[in-house]
Amino acid sequence: MKTYNTDFVQYRFWLFPPNGKRKDITDLIETATFTSTDEGLVDTVDLHVKNEKIDGLWIHEDLYLARRMMIEAKDEDTDWTEVYRGTFTTWQTNASDFTINSTVSNSNQLLVGNDIIYYFPDGTADGRIKTILSGIGMPVGKFEGIGGMLSKEMVKSQATTKILEYKEKSEQKTGVKTVIRNTKGKFEIVTRGSNQKIYVLDSRAAQDGTDVHTISNDFVTVVKVYGVVKGDKMPPLQTTVTGDTAFGTHTKIIYSSDYNTPAEANTAAKNILKEQGKPQKNQTIKDHVDIPWIRVGDAVDVAVGTIGGIKNDAQVPIRRYVVAISRDYVNKTMTLELEA
């Protein structure tokens, strides 16, 4: 098992001023941290930067709101490659030490706070998401794993609310888990675990790991599917799907009218049990050596603490999926939250 060699990891930070001449501010960075979560939609970078002159201009002018920044990375096997781009959304100068505090957000930030109104006829989840994105003017990149038909609907909501809702409905209907991302300024939805290169994370490269198992508030062991409600009468129970009730009976009710066919409703019931019918595992790998290419939604193989399997009395890695990342670009460490 080869431990990733962080000695070869490098980052560089580029600004793109309005005049079009990009500026390398890597040597001015004092701290730089990255945050990404599976439902956060927007990846952010927080910077603490020396306020000095480049080409005769104070750098705080180029870190101002709506100005653009890009981060590139390289390692032992990969040359300089873009890993992040965004625009400045907060700006603060500090007179005492001539520094700047800034936050950069990727372009998924455009979705936040956008009110939408649409009438959707019967159609697909991916079609509705793409319609919302087009209306906002958001470029779309890779789009996979979203499926399932939806009934007609009048929508008066916020863009992020409906996109997350349609993503969740798709997962219930198809059983395919997906992740929202932004790559090179384009909104993407990708299938969880679709990364081709899978890294092994072990105790030799991590400072710590925690493994917490809980019965969550949305725990479900029984799903009942009811038919159409007629007046004040009790709707007919069409089917009951039962999972593992070792932790008690926790019932969720769904209605066949929300699905196109009884078979689709039954499939949704099974997928709900698959997703919510087992104890929640909150597993964290803390201060692992930074691997620039790992993103939320990626599959990783883990052998840290009790996160791992046993074979021939030795610990072996088990497959997990990244649901959140915090990354320290300066110290070259990352903390990952994982799910099974």
Protein backbone atom coordinates (compact mmCIF):
# COMPACT_ATOMS: atom_id res chain seq x y z
CA MET A 1 0.00 0.00 0.00
CA LYS A 2 1.60 3.26 -1.14
CA THR A 3 1.04 6.39 0.93
CA TYR A 4 0.47 9.50 -1.15
CA ASN A 5 3.60 11.68 -1.20
CA THR A 6 2.63 15.25 -0.34
CA ASP A 7 6.22 16.47 -0.80
CA PHE A 8 5.47 16.99 -4.48
CA VAL A 9 2.17 18.85 -3.98
CA GLN A 10 2.23 22.50 -5.00
CA TYR A 11 -0.48 25.13 -5.39
CA ARG A 12 -0.47 28.47 -7.13
CA PHE A 13 -3.04 31.23 -6.97
CA TRP A 14 -3.92 33.42 -9.95
CA LEU A 15 -5.88 36.67 -10.06
CA PHE A 16 -7.63 37.86 -13.22
CA PRO A 17 -7.90 41.69 -13.08
CA PRO A 18 -10.19 43.55 -15.50
CA ASN A 19 -7.20 44.43 -17.73
CA GLY A 20 -6.85 40.73 -18.57
CA LYS A 21 -3.26 40.26 -17.35
CA ARG A 22 -3.33 37.54 -14.72
CA LYS A 23 -1.24 37.90 -11.56
CA ASP A 24 0.42 35.18 -9.49
CA ILE A 25 -0.21 35.94 -5.79
CA THR A 26 1.04 32.62 -4.41
CA ASP A 27 3.90 34.23 -2.47
CA LEU A 28 1.47 36.69 -0.83
CA ILE A 29 -0.76 33.96 0.63
CA GLU A 30 -0.48 33.62 4.41
CA THR A 31 -3.45 31.27 4.93
CA ALA A 32 -5.81 29.65 2.45
CA THR A 33 -8.54 27.15 3.30
CA PHE A 34 -11.08 25.37 1.11
CA THR A 35 -14.53 24.11 2.13
CA SER A 36 -16.86 21.83 0.15
CA THR A 37 -19.98 19.92 1.27
CA ASP A 38 -22.39 17.67 -0.61
CA GLU A 39 -25.46 19.83 0.03
CA GLY A 40 -23.66 23.15 0.39
CA LEU A 41 -23.73 23.64 -3.41
CA VAL A 42 -21.09 26.38 -3.23
CA ASP A 43 -17.40 25.62 -2.64
CA THR A 44 -15.54 28.46 -0.93
CA VAL A 45 -11.93 29.50 -0.34
CA ASP A 46 -10.99 31.80 2.55
CA LEU A 47 -7.78 33.80 2.11
CA HIS A 48 -5.52 35.88 4.31
CA VAL A 49 -3.17 37.75 1.97
CA LYS A 50 -0.36 40.29 2.28
CA ASN A 51 -1.44 43.61 0.79
CA GLU A 52 1.52 44.48 -1.40
CA LYS A 53 2.05 46.03 -4.82
CA ILE A 54 2.27 44.02 -8.03
CA ASP A 55 3.06 45.94 -11.23
CA GLY A 56 2.74 49.18 -9.26
CA LEU A 57 -0.81 48.49 -7.97
CA TRP A 58 -1.89 47.51 -4.47
CA ILE A 59 -3.17 43.97 -4.62
CA HIS A 60 -6.33 44.73 -2.61
CA GLU A 61 -7.79 46.34 -5.74
CA ASP A 62 -7.59 43.02 -7.59
CA LEU A 63 -9.11 41.03 -4.73
CA TYR A 64 -12.24 43.17 -4.74
CA LEU A 65 -15.81 41.87 -5.03
CA ALA A 66 -16.69 40.00 -8.25
CA ARG A 67 -13.04 39.82 -9.36
CA ARG A 68 -11.93 36.35 -10.44
CA MET A 69 -9.39 33.90 -9.03
CA MET A 70 -8.13 30.46 -10.05
CA ILE A 71 -6.13 27.83 -8.15
CA GLU A 72 -3.90 25.29 -9.87
CA ALA A 73 -2.21 22.23 -8.38
CA LYS A 74 0.49 19.75 -9.32
CA ASP A 75 2.04 16.66 -7.76
CA GLU A 76 4.46 13.86 -8.53
CA ASP A 77 2.35 12.49 -11.39
CA THR A 78 0.27 15.43 -12.64
CA ASP A 79 1.44 18.79 -14.02
CA TRP A 80 -0.27 22.11 -13.27
CA THR A 81 -4.05 21.57 -13.43
CA GLU A 82 -6.94 23.84 -12.47
CA VAL A 83 -8.64 22.68 -9.26
CA TYR A 84 -10.77 25.71 -8.41
CA ARG A 85 -12.12 28.95 -9.86
CA GLY A 86 -14.44 31.54 -8.40
CA THR A 87 -15.15 35.18 -7.68
CA PHE A 88 -14.57 37.25 -4.56
CA THR A 89 -17.69 37.56 -2.42
CA THR A 90 -16.20 39.20 0.70
CA TRP A 91 -13.40 41.75 1.04
CA GLN A 92 -11.75 43.18 4.14
CA THR A 93 -8.52 45.14 4.50
CA ASN A 94 -6.59 45.28 7.77
CA ALA A 95 -4.62 48.47 8.39
CA SER A 96 -2.63 47.14 11.36
CA ASP A 97 -0.62 44.60 9.36
CA PHE A 98 -1.38 45.48 5.72
CA THR A 99 -3.29 42.30 4.98
CA ILE A 100 -6.54 41.33 3.27
CA ASN A 101 -9.21 38.82 4.30
CA SER A 102 -11.30 37.55 1.39
CA THR A 103 -13.72 34.78 0.54
CA VAL A 104 -13.99 33.33 -2.95
CA SER A 105 -17.08 31.38 -4.08
CA ASN A 106 -17.50 29.27 -7.19
CA SER A 107 -20.17 30.16 -9.74
CA ASN A 108 -22.81 27.94 -8.11
CA GLN A 109 -23.20 31.01 -5.89
CA LEU A 110 -25.36 32.42 -8.70
CA LEU A 111 -28.09 29.94 -7.75
CA VAL A 112 -28.37 31.13 -4.16
CA GLY A 113 -31.25 33.52 -3.51
CA ASN A 114 -32.65 33.25 -7.04
CA ASP A 115 -36.46 33.12 -7.03
CA ILE A 116 -38.05 31.09 -9.83
CA ILE A 117 -41.55 30.60 -11.19
CA TYR A 118 -42.38 27.88 -13.73
CA TYR A 119 -45.22 25.69 -14.83
CA PHE A 120 -43.78 22.27 -15.57
CA PRO A 121 -45.86 19.70 -17.46
CA ASP A 122 -45.15 16.01 -16.87
CA GLY A 123 -41.45 15.56 -17.54
CA THR A 124 -38.05 14.43 -16.34
CA ALA A 125 -36.09 15.60 -13.31
CA ASP A 126 -33.01 16.39 -15.39
CA GLY A 127 -35.09 18.45 -17.83
CA ARG A 128 -36.47 20.60 -15.02
CA ILE A 129 -33.06 21.19 -13.46
CA LYS A 130 -31.61 22.20 -16.83
CA THR A 131 -34.54 24.58 -17.42
CA ILE A 132 -33.88 26.29 -14.08
CA LEU A 133 -30.16 26.57 -14.83
CA SER A 134 -30.81 27.97 -18.30
CA GLY A 135 -33.16 30.60 -16.91
CA ILE A 136 -30.44 31.83 -14.56
CA GLY A 137 -27.78 31.71 -17.27
CA MET A 138 -25.71 29.02 -15.58
CA PRO A 139 -23.40 27.03 -17.91
CA VAL A 140 -23.84 23.26 -17.60
CA GLY A 141 -21.05 20.70 -17.73
CA LYS A 142 -21.24 16.99 -16.99
CA PHE A 143 -24.79 15.87 -16.20
CA GLU A 144 -25.33 12.25 -15.24
CA GLY A 145 -27.31 10.00 -12.92
CA ILE A 146 -30.48 12.14 -12.87
CA GLY A 147 -33.58 10.25 -14.00
CA GLY A 148 -37.23 9.57 -13.29
CA MET A 149 -40.46 11.16 -14.46
CA LEU A 150 -42.20 13.89 -12.46
CA SER A 151 -45.84 14.94 -12.50
CA LYS A 152 -46.94 18.38 -13.67
CA GLU A 153 -46.29 21.14 -11.18
CA MET A 154 -46.58 24.89 -10.66
CA VAL A 155 -43.33 26.04 -9.08
CA LYS A 156 -42.89 29.20 -7.01
CA SER A 157 -39.69 28.70 -5.09
CA GLN A 158 -35.97 29.31 -4.95
CA ALA A 159 -33.69 27.69 -7.50
CA THR A 160 -31.55 25.84 -4.97
CA THR A 161 -34.59 24.42 -3.17
CA LYS A 162 -36.07 22.88 -6.31
CA ILE A 163 -32.77 21.61 -7.70
CA LEU A 164 -32.06 19.76 -4.45
CA GLU A 165 -35.66 18.48 -4.36
CA TYR A 166 -35.49 17.12 -7.92
CA LYS A 167 -32.10 15.56 -7.19
CA GLU A 168 -33.55 13.79 -4.13
CA LYS A 169 -36.62 12.59 -6.04
CA SER A 170 -34.38 11.24 -8.77
CA GLU A 171 -32.35 9.29 -6.21
CA GLN A 172 -35.54 7.83 -4.71
CA LYS A 173 -36.86 6.80 -8.11
CA THR A 174 -33.63 5.41 -9.57
CA GLY A 175 -31.51 4.46 -6.56
CA VAL A 176 -28.56 6.30 -8.12
CA LYS A 177 -26.79 8.70 -5.74
CA THR A 178 -25.50 11.90 -7.29
CA VAL A 179 -23.40 14.90 -6.28
CA ILE A 180 -23.59 18.56 -7.30
CA ARG A 181 -20.31 20.16 -8.32
CA ASN A 182 -18.85 23.04 -10.26
CA THR A 183 -15.96 22.43 -12.64
CA LYS A 184 -14.27 25.29 -14.50
CA GLY A 185 -17.29 27.51 -13.94
CA LYS A 186 -19.89 24.97 -15.06
CA PHE A 187 -22.64 23.45 -12.91
CA GLU A 188 -22.42 19.66 -12.84
CA ILE A 189 -24.24 16.68 -11.43
CA VAL A 190 -22.18 13.49 -11.36
CA THR A 191 -22.77 9.97 -10.13
CA ARG A 192 -21.32 9.36 -6.68
CA GLY A 193 -18.13 7.30 -6.83
CA SER A 194 -17.59 7.83 -10.56
CA ASN A 195 -13.93 8.87 -10.13
CA GLN A 196 -11.56 6.64 -12.07
CA LYS A 197 -8.59 6.89 -9.68
CA ILE A 198 -9.34 5.77 -6.13
CA TYR A 199 -6.91 6.81 -3.41
CA VAL A 200 -6.11 4.79 -0.29
CA LEU A 201 -6.25 6.77 2.96
CA ASP A 202 -4.49 5.17 5.93
CA SER A 203 -3.30 5.97 9.44
CA ARG A 204 0.24 6.67 8.28
CA ALA A 205 -0.96 9.75 6.40
CA ALA A 206 -3.65 10.99 8.82
CA GLN A 207 -3.38 12.61 12.24
CA ASP A 208 -6.69 11.21 13.50
CA GLY A 209 -10.01 9.65 12.57
CA THR A 210 -13.43 9.42 14.22
CA ASP A 211 -16.17 6.86 13.66
CA VAL A 212 -19.63 7.76 15.03
CA HIS A 213 -22.74 5.60 14.49
CA THR A 214 -26.23 6.96 15.29
CA ILE A 215 -29.92 6.34 14.72
CA SER A 216 -30.86 9.48 12.82
CA ASN A 217 -34.12 11.43 13.05
CA ASP A 218 -35.12 10.33 9.54
CA PHE A 219 -34.42 6.63 10.21
CA VAL A 220 -36.92 4.42 8.34
CA THR A 221 -37.56 0.68 8.63
CA VAL A 222 -41.07 0.46 7.13
CA VAL A 223 -42.45 2.28 4.09
CA LYS A 224 -46.19 2.24 3.41
CA VAL A 225 -47.51 3.17 -0.02
CA TYR A 226 -51.04 4.61 -0.02
CA GLY A 227 -53.31 5.19 -2.99
CA VAL A 228 -55.36 8.21 -4.00
CA VAL A 229 -57.33 9.98 -1.28
CA LYS A 230 -61.07 10.17 -2.02
CA GLY A 231 -62.90 12.79 0.01
CA ASP A 232 -62.70 12.28 3.75
CA LYS A 233 -62.12 8.55 3.46
CA MET A 234 -58.97 6.77 4.47
CA PRO A 235 -56.74 6.26 1.40
CA PRO A 236 -56.22 2.59 0.50
CA LEU A 237 -52.99 0.95 1.59
CA GLN A 238 -51.44 -0.48 -1.55
CA THR A 239 -48.29 -2.08 -0.22
CA THR A 240 -45.93 -2.20 2.75
CA VAL A 241 -42.18 -2.59 2.31
CA THR A 242 -40.32 -3.66 5.45
CA GLY A 243 -36.60 -3.43 6.09
CA ASP A 244 -34.47 -4.32 9.10
CA THR A 245 -36.56 -3.63 12.22
CA ALA A 246 -33.84 -4.62 14.70
CA PHE A 247 -33.69 -0.98 15.80
CA GLY A 248 -37.48 -0.64 16.04
CA THR A 249 -40.31 0.26 13.69
CA HIS A 250 -39.91 3.67 12.06
CA THR A 251 -42.60 4.25 9.43
CA LYS A 252 -42.59 6.54 6.42
CA ILE A 253 -45.69 7.04 4.26
CA ILE A 254 -45.58 7.85 0.55
CA TYR A 255 -48.42 8.18 -1.96
CA SER A 256 -48.67 6.45 -5.31
CA SER A 257 -50.11 9.65 -6.81
CA ASP A 258 -46.59 11.13 -6.59
CA TYR A 259 -45.34 8.46 -8.99
CA ASN A 260 -46.23 7.44 -12.52
CA THR A 261 -46.87 3.76 -11.80
CA PRO A 262 -47.33 1.48 -8.75
CA ALA A 263 -44.03 -0.19 -9.68
CA GLU A 264 -42.25 3.15 -9.53
CA ALA A 265 -43.73 3.84 -6.08
CA ASN A 266 -42.55 0.42 -4.87
CA THR A 267 -39.07 1.08 -6.22
CA ALA A 268 -39.02 4.41 -4.40
CA ALA A 269 -40.02 2.67 -1.16
CA LYS A 270 -37.14 0.21 -1.51
CA ASN A 271 -34.68 3.01 -2.26
CA ILE A 272 -35.85 4.92 0.83
CA LEU A 273 -35.11 1.87 2.97
CA LYS A 274 -31.76 1.43 1.26
CA GLU A 275 -30.80 5.01 2.04
CA GLN A 276 -32.48 5.61 5.41
CA GLY A 277 -32.95 2.11 6.83
CA LYS A 278 -29.58 1.66 8.48
CA PRO A 279 -27.67 3.47 11.24
CA GLN A 280 -25.98 6.63 10.08
CA LYS A 281 -22.20 6.47 10.10
CA ASN A 282 -20.40 9.79 10.50
CA GLN A 283 -16.78 9.02 9.75
CA THR A 284 -14.05 11.62 9.57
CA ILE A 285 -10.41 11.49 8.52
CA LYS A 286 -8.61 14.40 10.15
CA ASP A 287 -5.53 16.22 8.85
CA HIS A 288 -4.65 13.68 6.19
CA VAL A 289 -1.91 14.70 3.78
CA ASP A 290 -3.54 16.77 1.06
CA ILE A 291 -4.44 15.10 -2.22
CA PRO A 292 -5.54 17.97 -4.50
CA TRP A 293 -7.61 15.79 -6.82
CA ILE A 294 -10.07 14.38 -4.25
CA ARG A 295 -13.52 15.99 -4.48
CA VAL A 296 -16.88 15.61 -2.75
CA GLY A 297 -18.61 12.53 -4.14
CA ASP A 298 -15.39 10.64 -4.84
CA ALA A 299 -14.87 7.07 -3.72
CA VAL A 300 -11.88 6.45 -1.45
CA ASP A 301 -10.54 3.34 0.27
CA VAL A 302 -9.98 3.88 4.00
CA ALA A 303 -8.07 2.10 6.76
CA VAL A 304 -7.94 4.52 9.70
CA GLY A 305 -8.85 3.50 13.26
CA THR A 306 -12.10 1.50 13.24
CA ILE A 307 -12.84 2.61 9.68
CA GLY A 308 -11.68 -0.42 7.79
CA GLY A 309 -12.10 -4.15 7.44
CA ILE A 310 -10.18 -7.12 8.83
CA LYS A 311 -8.62 -9.86 6.71
CA ASN A 312 -6.24 -12.47 8.10
CA ASP A 313 -6.05 -10.50 11.37
CA ALA A 314 -4.84 -7.40 9.52
CA GLN A 315 -6.66 -4.17 8.75
CA VAL A 316 -7.62 -3.67 5.12
CA PRO A 317 -9.23 -0.62 3.45
CA ILE A 318 -12.97 -0.40 2.88
CA ARG A 319 -14.81 1.74 0.33
CA ARG A 320 -16.22 5.06 1.50
CA TYR A 321 -17.51 8.20 -0.25
CA VAL A 322 -16.50 11.79 0.46
CA VAL A 323 -19.38 14.03 1.61
CA ALA A 324 -17.34 17.05 2.78
CA ILE A 325 -13.80 18.37 2.49
CA SER A 326 -11.90 21.09 4.29
CA ARG A 327 -8.46 21.72 2.88
CA ASP A 328 -5.51 23.76 4.17
CA TYR A 329 -3.56 24.80 1.08
CA VAL A 330 -0.60 26.19 3.02
CA ASN A 331 -0.03 23.26 5.39
CA LYS A 332 -1.09 20.74 2.72
CA THR A 333 -3.59 18.84 4.85
CA MET A 334 -7.23 17.90 4.35
CA THR A 335 -10.06 16.69 6.57
CA LEU A 336 -12.69 14.46 4.97
CA GLU A 337 -16.17 13.51 6.10
CA LEU A 338 -17.24 10.14 4.73
CA GLU A 339 -20.29 7.94 4.21
CA ALA A 340 -20.68 4.27 3.41
